[in-house]
Amino acid sequence: MKKEKRIEERKRRENEREREKKKERKNKKAKELRGKERKKEGKKKEIKKITIIYVQFKCPSFFDTNFDHHQSSLPLPLPQLPPSSSPLSSLQLQFYDGVIT
């Protein structure tokens, strides 16, 4: 009789320990997941800046005469920039998740 009670008590304690260990593991995993989510939220999207530089130069005269002849074959007109004191003009674009703003 006493032996049976001891055995039952031991089994009950073992079951309680296992339940507590399972709870601890579950809580630990949940805590890790919450930490990962916070890290993701904490990271802000970066804005990357790209500078495109156009070089303006004079074409040789023989090219100028042929340019009118071949102008119709160009798909898009070349970008016209306002005259500036320096030969280089730059245009800055901001990329945010692949979208030009």
PDB file of N, CA and C in Angstrom:
ATOM      1  N   MET A   1       0.824  -1.188   0.000  1.00  0.00           N
ATOM      2  CA  MET A   1       0.000   0.000   0.000  1.00  0.00           C
ATOM      3  C   MET A   1       0.874   1.261   0.000  1.00  0.00           C
ATOM      4  N   LYS A   2       1.841   1.335   0.922  1.00  0.00           N
ATOM      5  CA  LYS A   2       2.725   2.491   0.993  1.00  0.00           C
ATOM      6  C   LYS A   2       3.575   2.588  -0.265  1.00  0.00           C
ATOM      7  N   LYS A   3       4.017   1.425  -0.774  1.00  0.00           N
ATOM      8  CA  LYS A   3       4.837   1.411  -1.990  1.00  0.00           C
ATOM      9  C   LYS A   3       4.049   1.972  -3.171  1.00  0.00           C
ATOM     10  N   GLU A   4       2.810   1.562  -3.291  1.00  0.00           N
ATOM     11  CA  GLU A   4       1.964   2.028  -4.393  1.00  0.00           C
ATOM     12  C   GLU A   4       1.785   3.554  -4.330  1.00  0.00           C
ATOM     13  N   LYS A   5       1.567   4.074  -3.129  1.00  0.00           N
ATOM     14  CA  LYS A   5       1.403   5.521  -2.962  1.00  0.00           C
ATOM     15  C   LYS A   5       2.681   6.253  -3.361  1.00  0.00           C
ATOM     16  N   ARG A   6       3.835   5.705  -2.942  1.00  0.00           N
ATOM     17  CA  ARG A   6       5.117   6.318  -3.298  1.00  0.00           C
ATOM     18  C   ARG A   6       5.310   6.335  -4.813  1.00  0.00           C
ATOM     19  N   ILE A   7       4.999   5.198  -5.448  1.00  0.00           N
ATOM     20  CA  ILE A   7       5.159   5.095  -6.904  1.00  0.00           C
ATOM     21  C   ILE A   7       4.247   6.108  -7.600  1.00  0.00           C
ATOM     22  N   GLU A   8       2.991   6.202  -7.172  1.00  0.00           N
ATOM     23  CA  GLU A   8       2.048   7.160  -7.766  1.00  0.00           C
ATOM     24  C   GLU A   8       2.535   8.604  -7.572  1.00  0.00           C
ATOM     25  N   GLU A   9       3.015   8.885  -6.356  1.00  0.00           N
ATOM     26  CA  GLU A   9       3.520  10.231  -6.060  1.00  0.00           C
ATOM     27  C   GLU A   9       4.717  10.569  -6.946  1.00  0.00           C
ATOM     28  N   ARG A  10       5.633   9.623  -7.109  1.00  0.00           N
ATOM     29  CA  ARG A  10       6.817   9.829  -7.956  1.00  0.00           C
ATOM     30  C   ARG A  10       6.392  10.092  -9.401  1.00  0.00           C
ATOM     31  N   LYS A  11       5.452   9.299  -9.916  1.00  0.00           N
ATOM     32  CA  LYS A  11       4.975   9.486 -11.299  1.00  0.00           C
ATOM     33  C   LYS A  11       4.327  10.864 -11.465  1.00  0.00           C
ATOM     34  N   ARG A  12       3.547  11.264 -10.458  1.00  0.00           N
ATOM     35  CA  ARG A  12       2.881  12.562 -10.517  1.00  0.00           C
ATOM     36  C   ARG A  12       3.914  13.694 -10.565  1.00  0.00           C
ATOM     37  N   ARG A  13       4.963  13.598  -9.723  1.00  0.00           N
ATOM     38  CA  ARG A  13       6.019  14.613  -9.713  1.00  0.00           C
ATOM     39  C   ARG A  13       6.767  14.652 -11.044  1.00  0.00           C
ATOM     40  N   GLU A  14       7.052  13.476 -11.595  1.00  0.00           N
ATOM     41  CA  GLU A  14       7.744  13.413 -12.892  1.00  0.00           C
ATOM     42  C   GLU A  14       6.902  14.062 -13.986  1.00  0.00           C
ATOM     43  N   ASN A  15       5.612  13.777 -13.972  1.00  0.00           N
ATOM     44  CA  ASN A  15       4.711  14.382 -14.962  1.00  0.00           C
ATOM     45  C   ASN A  15       4.683  15.908 -14.825  1.00  0.00           C
ATOM     46  N   GLU A  16       4.653  16.391 -13.582  1.00  0.00           N
ATOM     47  CA  GLU A  16       4.670  17.837 -13.355  1.00  0.00           C
ATOM     48  C   GLU A  16       5.953  18.458 -13.895  1.00  0.00           C
ATOM     49  N   ARG A  17       7.094  17.809 -13.631  1.00  0.00           N
ATOM     50  CA  ARG A  17       8.381  18.318 -14.128  1.00  0.00           C
ATOM     51  C   ARG A  17       8.383  18.385 -15.654  1.00  0.00           C
ATOM     52  N   GLU A  18       7.879  17.324 -16.279  1.00  0.00           N
ATOM     53  CA  GLU A  18       7.833  17.308 -17.751  1.00  0.00           C
ATOM     54  C   GLU A  18       6.955  18.441 -18.278  1.00  0.00           C
ATOM     55  N   ARG A  19       5.799  18.654 -17.629  1.00  0.00           N
ATOM     56  CA  ARG A  19       4.911  19.739 -18.056  1.00  0.00           C
ATOM     57  C   ARG A  19       5.605  21.096 -17.925  1.00  0.00           C
ATOM     58  N   GLU A  20       6.308  21.289 -16.809  1.00  0.00           N
ATOM     59  CA  GLU A  20       7.023  22.550 -16.599  1.00  0.00           C
ATOM     60  C   GLU A  20       8.117  22.745 -17.646  1.00  0.00           C
ATOM     61  N   LYS A  21       8.844  21.669 -17.959  1.00  0.00           N
ATOM     62  CA  LYS A  21       9.901  21.758 -18.977  1.00  0.00           C
ATOM     63  C   LYS A  21       9.310  22.116 -20.335  1.00  0.00           C
ATOM     64  N   LYS A  22       8.178  21.492 -20.679  1.00  0.00           N
ATOM     65  CA  LYS A  22       7.516  21.801 -21.954  1.00  0.00           C
ATOM     66  C   LYS A  22       7.099  23.276 -21.999  1.00  0.00           C
ATOM     67  N   LYS A  23       6.535  23.761 -20.887  1.00  0.00           N
ATOM     68  CA  LYS A  23       6.125  25.168 -20.828  1.00  0.00           C
ATOM     69  C   LYS A  23       7.327  26.086 -21.011  1.00  0.00           C
ATOM     70  N   GLU A  24       8.438  25.747 -20.332  1.00  0.00           N
ATOM     71  CA  GLU A  24       9.646  26.568 -20.443  1.00  0.00           C
ATOM     72  C   GLU A  24      10.160  26.601 -21.878  1.00  0.00           C
ATOM     73  N   ARG A  25      10.186  25.427 -22.527  1.00  0.00           N
ATOM     74  CA  ARG A  25      10.645  25.365 -23.929  1.00  0.00           C
ATOM     75  C   ARG A  25       9.746  26.210 -24.825  1.00  0.00           C
ATOM     76  N   LYS A  26       8.435  26.067 -24.622  1.00  0.00           N
ATOM     77  CA  LYS A  26       7.470  26.815 -25.432  1.00  0.00           C
ATOM     78  C   LYS A  26       7.654  28.318 -25.229  1.00  0.00           C
ATOM     79  N   ASN A  27       7.804  28.735 -23.968  1.00  0.00           N
ATOM     80  CA  ASN A  27       8.002  30.157 -23.671  1.00  0.00           C
ATOM     81  C   ASN A  27       9.304  30.669 -24.271  1.00  0.00           C
ATOM     82  N   LYS A  28      10.347  29.841 -24.217  1.00  0.00           N
ATOM     83  CA  LYS A  28      11.643  30.249 -24.766  1.00  0.00           C
ATOM     84  C   LYS A  28      11.540  30.469 -26.277  1.00  0.00           C
ATOM     85  N   LYS A  29      10.858  29.535 -26.972  1.00  0.00           N
ATOM     86  CA  LYS A  29      10.684  29.681 -28.426  1.00  0.00           C
ATOM     87  C   LYS A  29       9.873  30.931 -28.748  1.00  0.00           C
ATOM     88  N   ALA A  30       8.802  31.147 -27.991  1.00  0.00           N
ATOM     89  CA  ALA A  30       7.961  32.324 -28.230  1.00  0.00           C
ATOM     90  C   ALA A  30       8.762  33.605 -28.007  1.00  0.00           C
ATOM     91  N   LYS A  31       9.598  33.599 -26.975  1.00  0.00           N
ATOM     92  CA  LYS A  31      10.419  34.773 -26.671  1.00  0.00           C
ATOM     93  C   LYS A  31      11.398  35.046 -27.809  1.00  0.00           C
ATOM     94  N   GLU A  32      12.015  33.980 -28.351  1.00  0.00           N
ATOM     95  CA  GLU A  32      12.950  34.139 -29.472  1.00  0.00           C
ATOM     96  C   GLU A  32      12.236  34.708 -30.691  1.00  0.00           C
ATOM     97  N   LEU A  33      11.037  34.190 -30.983  1.00  0.00           N
ATOM     98  CA  LEU A  33      10.282  34.686 -32.136  1.00  0.00           C
ATOM     99  C   LEU A  33       9.930  36.162 -31.966  1.00  0.00           C
ATOM    100  N   ARG A  34       9.518  36.541 -30.761  1.00  0.00           N
ATOM    101  CA  ARG A  34       9.191  37.954 -30.516  1.00  0.00           C
ATOM    102  C   ARG A  34      10.420  38.829 -30.723  1.00  0.00           C
ATOM    103  N   GLY A  35      11.577  38.338 -30.275  1.00  0.00           N
ATOM    104  CA  GLY A  35      12.820  39.088 -30.455  1.00  0.00           C
ATOM    105  C   GLY A  35      13.155  39.275 -31.917  1.00  0.00           C
ATOM    106  N   LYS A  36      12.965  38.219 -32.726  1.00  0.00           N
ATOM    107  CA  LYS A  36      13.243  38.314 -34.166  1.00  0.00           C
ATOM    108  C   LYS A  36      12.311  39.316 -34.822  1.00  0.00           C
ATOM    109  N   GLU A  37      11.024  39.292 -34.425  1.00  0.00           N
ATOM    110  CA  GLU A  37      10.059  40.233 -35.001  1.00  0.00           C
ATOM    111  C   GLU A  37      10.437  41.670 -34.656  1.00  0.00           C
ATOM    112  N   ARG A  38      10.884  41.881 -33.424  1.00  0.00           N
ATOM    113  CA  ARG A  38      11.285  43.235 -33.019  1.00  0.00           C
ATOM    114  C   ARG A  38      12.482  43.706 -33.820  1.00  0.00           C
ATOM    115  N   LYS A  39      13.425  42.788 -34.064  1.00  0.00           N
ATOM    116  CA  LYS A  39      14.601  43.160 -34.850  1.00  0.00           C
ATOM    117  C   LYS A  39      14.186  43.569 -36.254  1.00  0.00           C
ATOM    118  N   LYS A  40      13.240  42.810 -36.849  1.00  0.00           N
ATOM    119  CA  LYS A  40      12.775  43.137 -38.200  1.00  0.00           C
ATOM    120  C   LYS A  40      12.108  44.513 -38.210  1.00  0.00           C
ATOM    121  N   GLU A  41      11.281  44.789 -37.189  1.00  0.00           N
ATOM    122  CA  GLU A  41      10.600  46.080 -37.119  1.00  0.00           C
ATOM    123  C   GLU A  41      11.592  47.210 -36.901  1.00  0.00           C
ATOM    124  N   GLY A  42      12.649  46.927 -36.156  1.00  0.00           N
ATOM    125  CA  GLY A  42      13.643  47.945 -35.840  1.00  0.00           C
ATOM    126  C   GLY A  42      14.453  48.378 -37.037  1.00  0.00           C
ATOM    127  N   LYS A  43      14.632  47.484 -38.006  1.00  0.00           N
ATOM    128  CA  LYS A  43      15.420  47.822 -39.190  1.00  0.00           C
ATOM    129  C   LYS A  43      14.584  48.712 -40.103  1.00  0.00           C
ATOM    130  N   LYS A  44      15.084  49.897 -40.362  1.00  0.00           N
ATOM    131  CA  LYS A  44      14.375  50.803 -41.268  1.00  0.00           C
ATOM    132  C   LYS A  44      14.882  50.578 -42.678  1.00  0.00           C
ATOM    133  N   LYS A  45      14.006  50.837 -43.624  1.00  0.00           N
ATOM    134  CA  LYS A  45      14.398  50.672 -45.021  1.00  0.00           C
ATOM    135  C   LYS A  45      15.388  51.771 -45.393  1.00  0.00           C
ATOM    136  N   GLU A  46      16.458  51.351 -46.043  1.00  0.00           N
ATOM    137  CA  GLU A  46      17.503  52.306 -46.399  1.00  0.00           C
ATOM    138  C   GLU A  46      17.171  52.995 -47.718  1.00  0.00           C
ATOM    139  N   ILE A  47      17.517  54.254 -47.800  1.00  0.00           N
ATOM    140  CA  ILE A  47      17.360  55.009 -49.043  1.00  0.00           C
ATOM    141  C   ILE A  47      18.732  55.086 -49.690  1.00  0.00           C
ATOM    142  N   LYS A  48      18.823  54.537 -50.896  1.00  0.00           N
ATOM    143  CA  LYS A  48      20.100  54.540 -51.609  1.00  0.00           C
ATOM    144  C   LYS A  48      20.075  55.673 -52.628  1.00  0.00           C
ATOM    145  N   LYS A  49      21.138  56.459 -52.657  1.00  0.00           N
ATOM    146  CA  LYS A  49      21.222  57.564 -53.612  1.00  0.00           C
ATOM    147  C   LYS A  49      22.180  57.185 -54.728  1.00  0.00           C
ATOM    148  N   ILE A  50      21.758  57.455 -55.936  1.00  0.00           N
ATOM    149  CA  ILE A  50      22.582  57.199 -57.113  1.00  0.00           C
ATOM    150  C   ILE A  50      22.724  58.518 -57.858  1.00  0.00           C
ATOM    151  N   THR A  51      23.934  58.867 -58.192  1.00  0.00           N
ATOM    152  CA  THR A  51      24.182  60.095 -58.947  1.00  0.00           C
ATOM    153  C   THR A  51      24.495  59.724 -60.385  1.00  0.00           C
ATOM    154  N   ILE A  52      23.733  60.284 -61.303  1.00  0.00           N
ATOM    155  CA  ILE A  52      23.960  60.052 -62.729  1.00  0.00           C
ATOM    156  C   ILE A  52      24.580  61.322 -63.295  1.00  0.00           C
ATOM    157  N   ILE A  53      25.707  61.179 -63.952  1.00  0.00           N
ATOM    158  CA  ILE A  53      26.428  62.340 -64.490  1.00  0.00           C
ATOM    159  C   ILE A  53      26.346  62.315 -66.014  1.00  0.00           C
ATOM    160  N   TYR A  54      25.901  63.427 -66.586  1.00  0.00           N
ATOM    161  CA  TYR A  54      25.866  63.572 -68.037  1.00  0.00           C
ATOM    162  C   TYR A  54      27.056  64.431 -68.460  1.00  0.00           C
ATOM    163  N   VAL A  55      27.747  64.005 -69.482  1.00  0.00           N
ATOM    164  CA  VAL A  55      28.876  64.780 -70.005  1.00  0.00           C
ATOM    165  C   VAL A  55      28.422  65.428 -71.305  1.00  0.00           C
ATOM    166  N   GLN A  56      28.537  66.743 -71.371  1.00  0.00           N
ATOM    167  CA  GLN A  56      28.174  67.465 -72.589  1.00  0.00           C
ATOM    168  C   GLN A  56      29.459  67.802 -73.339  1.00  0.00           C
ATOM    169  N   PHE A  57      29.489  67.454 -74.621  1.00  0.00           N
ATOM    170  CA  PHE A  57      30.681  67.750 -75.421  1.00  0.00           C
ATOM    171  C   PHE A  57      30.249  68.092 -76.836  1.00  0.00           C
ATOM    172  N   LYS A  58      31.139  68.737 -77.557  1.00  0.00           N
ATOM    173  CA  LYS A  58      30.841  69.112 -78.944  1.00  0.00           C
ATOM    174  C   LYS A  58      31.223  67.960 -79.856  1.00  0.00           C
ATOM    175  N   CYS A  59      30.346  67.669 -80.804  1.00  0.00           N
ATOM    176  CA  CYS A  59      30.627  66.598 -81.759  1.00  0.00           C
ATOM    177  C   CYS A  59      31.444  67.167 -82.918  1.00  0.00           C
ATOM    178  N   PRO A  60      32.254  66.335 -83.547  1.00  0.00           N
ATOM    179  CA  PRO A  60      32.967  66.790 -84.757  1.00  0.00           C
ATOM    180  C   PRO A  60      31.959  67.161 -85.849  1.00  0.00           C
ATOM    181  N   SER A  61      32.368  68.054 -86.743  1.00  0.00           N
ATOM    182  CA  SER A  61      31.441  68.563 -87.762  1.00  0.00           C
ATOM    183  C   SER A  61      30.956  67.463 -88.710  1.00  0.00           C
ATOM    184  N   PHE A  62      31.800  66.461 -89.015  1.00  0.00           N
ATOM    185  CA  PHE A  62      31.333  65.409 -89.936  1.00  0.00           C
ATOM    186  C   PHE A  62      30.225  64.586 -89.288  1.00  0.00           C
ATOM    187  N   PHE A  63      30.248  64.454 -87.959  1.00  0.00           N
ATOM    188  CA  PHE A  63      29.192  63.707 -87.283  1.00  0.00           C
ATOM    189  C   PHE A  63      27.891  64.504 -87.280  1.00  0.00           C
ATOM    190  N   ASP A  64      28.006  65.829 -87.147  1.00  0.00           N
ATOM    191  CA  ASP A  64      26.819  66.682 -87.138  1.00  0.00           C
ATOM    192  C   ASP A  64      26.039  66.562 -88.442  1.00  0.00           C
ATOM    193  N   THR A  65      26.727  66.463 -89.558  1.00  0.00           N
ATOM    194  CA  THR A  65      26.024  66.377 -90.844  1.00  0.00           C
ATOM    195  C   THR A  65      25.302  65.044 -90.977  1.00  0.00           C
ATOM    196  N   ASN A  66      25.888  63.971 -90.439  1.00  0.00           N
ATOM    197  CA  ASN A  66      25.245  62.652 -90.526  1.00  0.00           C
ATOM    198  C   ASN A  66      24.153  62.475 -89.468  1.00  0.00           C
ATOM    199  N   PHE A  67      24.186  63.291 -88.462  1.00  0.00           N
ATOM    200  CA  PHE A  67      23.243  63.120 -87.362  1.00  0.00           C
ATOM    201  C   PHE A  67      21.804  63.354 -87.820  1.00  0.00           C
ATOM    202  N   ASP A  68      21.586  64.371 -88.664  1.00  0.00           N
ATOM    203  CA  ASP A  68      20.235  64.653 -89.154  1.00  0.00           C
ATOM    204  C   ASP A  68      19.696  63.486 -89.960  1.00  0.00           C
ATOM    205  N   HIS A  69      20.576  62.851 -90.710  1.00  0.00           N
ATOM    206  CA  HIS A  69      20.164  61.738 -91.554  1.00  0.00           C
ATOM    207  C   HIS A  69      19.697  60.547 -90.696  1.00  0.00           C
ATOM    208  N   HIS A  70      20.395  60.281 -89.595  1.00  0.00           N
ATOM    209  CA  HIS A  70      20.085  59.107 -88.762  1.00  0.00           C
ATOM    210  C   HIS A  70      19.198  59.436 -87.567  1.00  0.00           C
ATOM    211  N   GLN A  71      18.748  60.659 -87.484  1.00  0.00           N
ATOM    212  CA  GLN A  71      17.979  61.056 -86.305  1.00  0.00           C
ATOM    213  C   GLN A  71      16.673  60.276 -86.180  1.00  0.00           C
ATOM    214  N   SER A  72      16.059  59.916 -87.289  1.00  0.00           N
ATOM    215  CA  SER A  72      14.779  59.211 -87.235  1.00  0.00           C
ATOM    216  C   SER A  72      14.932  57.805 -86.663  1.00  0.00           C
ATOM    217  N   SER A  73      16.147  57.241 -86.699  1.00  0.00           N
ATOM    218  CA  SER A  73      16.322  55.877 -86.195  1.00  0.00           C
ATOM    219  C   SER A  73      16.509  55.842 -84.678  1.00  0.00           C
ATOM    220  N   LEU A  74      16.704  57.007 -84.051  1.00  0.00           N
ATOM    221  CA  LEU A  74      16.870  57.014 -82.596  1.00  0.00           C
ATOM    222  C   LEU A  74      15.507  56.825 -81.928  1.00  0.00           C
ATOM    223  N   PRO A  75      15.399  55.880 -80.976  1.00  0.00           N
ATOM    224  CA  PRO A  75      14.095  55.630 -80.349  1.00  0.00           C
ATOM    225  C   PRO A  75      13.637  56.762 -79.426  1.00  0.00           C
ATOM    226  N   LEU A  76      14.559  57.358 -78.680  1.00  0.00           N
ATOM    227  CA  LEU A  76      14.189  58.422 -77.750  1.00  0.00           C
ATOM    228  C   LEU A  76      15.126  59.608 -77.933  1.00  0.00           C
ATOM    229  N   PRO A  77      14.642  60.825 -77.772  1.00  0.00           N
ATOM    230  CA  PRO A  77      15.551  61.971 -77.863  1.00  0.00           C
ATOM    231  C   PRO A  77      16.515  61.968 -76.678  1.00  0.00           C
ATOM    232  N   LEU A  78      17.698  62.491 -76.904  1.00  0.00           N
ATOM    233  CA  LEU A  78      18.683  62.570 -75.832  1.00  0.00           C
ATOM    234  C   LEU A  78      18.230  63.607 -74.816  1.00  0.00           C
ATOM    235  N   PRO A  79      18.535  63.400 -73.526  1.00  0.00           N
ATOM    236  CA  PRO A  79      18.079  64.361 -72.515  1.00  0.00           C
ATOM    237  C   PRO A  79      18.751  65.713 -72.701  1.00  0.00           C
ATOM    238  N   GLN A  80      17.941  66.755 -72.663  1.00  0.00           N
ATOM    239  CA  GLN A  80      18.464  68.112 -72.807  1.00  0.00           C
ATOM    240  C   GLN A  80      18.597  68.727 -71.420  1.00  0.00           C
ATOM    241  N   LEU A  81      19.799  69.097 -71.067  1.00  0.00           N
ATOM    242  CA  LEU A  81      20.039  69.725 -69.776  1.00  0.00           C
ATOM    243  C   LEU A  81      20.295  71.210 -69.984  1.00  0.00           C
ATOM    244  N   PRO A  82      19.904  72.032 -69.038  1.00  0.00           N
ATOM    245  CA  PRO A  82      20.161  73.469 -69.184  1.00  0.00           C
ATOM    246  C   PRO A  82      21.663  73.728 -69.192  1.00  0.00           C
ATOM    247  N   PRO A  83      22.106  74.721 -69.958  1.00  0.00           N
ATOM    248  CA  PRO A  83      23.541  74.995 -70.009  1.00  0.00           C
ATOM    249  C   PRO A  83      24.045  75.417 -68.634  1.00  0.00           C
ATOM    250  N   SER A  84      25.188  74.904 -68.284  1.00  0.00           N
ATOM    251  CA  SER A  84      25.766  75.243 -66.983  1.00  0.00           C
ATOM    252  C   SER A  84      27.190  75.725 -67.193  1.00  0.00           C
ATOM    253  N   SER A  85      27.748  76.335 -66.181  1.00  0.00           N
ATOM    254  CA  SER A  85      29.101  76.879 -66.300  1.00  0.00           C
ATOM    255  C   SER A  85      30.130  75.755 -66.390  1.00  0.00           C
ATOM    256  N   SER A  86      29.846  74.625 -65.748  1.00  0.00           N
ATOM    257  CA  SER A  86      30.788  73.498 -65.819  1.00  0.00           C
ATOM    258  C   SER A  86      30.321  72.518 -66.890  1.00  0.00           C
ATOM    259  N   PRO A  87      31.253  71.755 -67.474  1.00  0.00           N
ATOM    260  CA  PRO A  87      30.842  70.799 -68.503  1.00  0.00           C
ATOM    261  C   PRO A  87      30.056  69.617 -67.939  1.00  0.00           C
ATOM    262  N   LEU A  88      30.076  69.422 -66.612  1.00  0.00           N
ATOM    263  CA  LEU A  88      29.357  68.294 -66.013  1.00  0.00           C
ATOM    264  C   LEU A  88      28.097  68.785 -65.311  1.00  0.00           C
ATOM    265  N   SER A  89      27.008  68.099 -65.544  1.00  0.00           N
ATOM    266  CA  SER A  89      25.761  68.375 -64.823  1.00  0.00           C
ATOM    267  C   SER A  89      25.327  67.061 -64.188  1.00  0.00           C
ATOM    268  N   SER A  90      24.830  67.114 -62.975  1.00  0.00           N
ATOM    269  CA  SER A  90      24.434  65.863 -62.321  1.00  0.00           C
ATOM    270  C   SER A  90      22.970  65.922 -61.912  1.00  0.00           C
ATOM    271  N   LEU A  91      22.367  64.776 -61.884  1.00  0.00           N
ATOM    272  CA  LEU A  91      20.967  64.632 -61.517  1.00  0.00           C
ATOM    273  C   LEU A  91      20.907  63.554 -60.444  1.00  0.00           C
ATOM    274  N   GLN A  92      20.322  63.835 -59.292  1.00  0.00           N
ATOM    275  CA  GLN A  92      20.275  62.841 -58.215  1.00  0.00           C
ATOM    276  C   GLN A  92      18.883  62.234 -58.142  1.00  0.00           C
ATOM    277  N   LEU A  93      18.854  60.918 -58.074  1.00  0.00           N
ATOM    278  CA  LEU A  93      17.603  60.184 -57.935  1.00  0.00           C
ATOM    279  C   LEU A  93      17.658  59.399 -56.641  1.00  0.00           C
ATOM    280  N   GLN A  94      16.508  59.245 -55.971  1.00  0.00           N
ATOM    281  CA  GLN A  94      16.453  58.422 -54.762  1.00  0.00           C
ATOM    282  C   GLN A  94      15.705  57.140 -55.085  1.00  0.00           C
ATOM    283  N   PHE A  95      16.304  56.010 -54.678  1.00  0.00           N
ATOM    284  CA  PHE A  95      15.661  54.716 -54.855  1.00  0.00           C
ATOM    285  C   PHE A  95      15.174  54.242 -53.500  1.00  0.00           C
ATOM    286  N   TYR A  96      13.888  53.914 -53.403  1.00  0.00           N
ATOM    287  CA  TYR A  96      13.319  53.396 -52.161  1.00  0.00           C
ATOM    288  C   TYR A  96      12.560  52.130 -52.524  1.00  0.00           C
ATOM    289  N   ASP A  97      13.100  50.995 -52.175  1.00  0.00           N
ATOM    290  CA  ASP A  97      12.520  49.695 -52.538  1.00  0.00           C
ATOM    291  C   ASP A  97      12.336  49.571 -54.049  1.00  0.00           C
ATOM    292  N   GLY A  98      13.307  50.018 -54.798  1.00  0.00           N
ATOM    293  CA  GLY A  98      13.275  49.841 -56.242  1.00  0.00           C
ATOM    294  C   GLY A  98      12.405  50.837 -56.979  1.00  0.00           C
ATOM    295  N   VAL A  99      11.834  51.825 -56.295  1.00  0.00           N
ATOM    296  CA  VAL A  99      10.973  52.814 -56.946  1.00  0.00           C
ATOM    297  C   VAL A  99      11.726  54.135 -57.006  1.00  0.00           C
ATOM    298  N   ILE A 100      11.791  54.726 -58.178  1.00  0.00           N
ATOM    299  CA  ILE A 100      12.480  56.011 -58.335  1.00  0.00           C
ATOM    300  C   ILE A 100      11.556  57.110 -57.844  1.00  0.00           C
ATOM    301  N   THR A 101      12.095  57.970 -56.960  1.00  0.00           N
ATOM    302  CA  THR A 101      11.280  59.084 -56.453  1.00  0.00           C
ATOM    303  C   THR A 101      11.929  60.396 -56.845  1.00  0.00           C
TER     304      THR A 101
END
